[in-house]
């Protein structure tokens, strides 16, 4: 009678997501991630400033193609991300439960809300221009059109407590509007964010549109806030002192900054998101076009 063999536990190796690839931190450093009870979960990459600079380069490279893609195509790709999240629902339920100390039922509700939120923003990609753009009434032989355009590369300091719903609530609107993102994951609960990178890599999202870093929030956020090729900054996961320092650094090249929201809405992200995050990292371009002389019979082009 043969003895039943026991399998070795296969631990997951979490990596960064930069430029559509999965590098380890260039420094080779990691840090321990524990659950709400202090039990070890995994080693996460401890990103360096070099990793942050590489992420900005990747985001800038991807911006041209992503910002000029049709709104319909961006919506289709974002919806594909939601499909892939749905297929990996059980994995994210487990990771969110461990990260936030939730019961399985509460974690499942959070994951379902996260997928629904991604679908919600996917639906906005081809509608936001009608909401914030339009034809302006002017006097004279010309017409005047205002259209929204993405700001550029946006650094997102992800929420510290809401490791998945909060993460998606701040990342999805940035890329839905046509920007590219460098995301600093929750320092204490980075695993759902790193797993999201695996989903994005298999969802037709071009490499570099979203780049996910894990590590010390302040160590990464400060050089990114001062980076001359970063155009926007979302401070959702920064505390008051860090947010002030980041705003000062961001002023050097006039970054568009979204300040932390009220605690009651920023902590759980369960309320309806509205459109303020979607429109905050948009610029308005106004075009004047002559129509020729306006006579009694109407306009002439």
Foldseek 3Di string as FASTA:
>chain_A
DDDDDDDDDDADDFFWAAQLDGDAAPVNDWDFAFFPVRHTRYTYGAHAQVNLVRLLVSQQVCLVVLQPDALLVQLQLLLLLLVLLVVCLVVQLVLQCRHQVDDSVVSSVLSVLQSVVSNVLSVCLNPVQVVPWDWDDDDDQKTKTKGKGFQEEEEEEFAQRSQRSRRSLQLSLNSSRRYAYEYEGRANRRVVVSVSSVSSSPRPNRGSSYIYDYHDRLNHQQVQLQDLSHAAYECQHPDPVSQVSSVVSNPVNDHQYHYHDDCVCSNRVPDDSPCCSNPSRIDMDMDMGGQPDQDPVGTHD
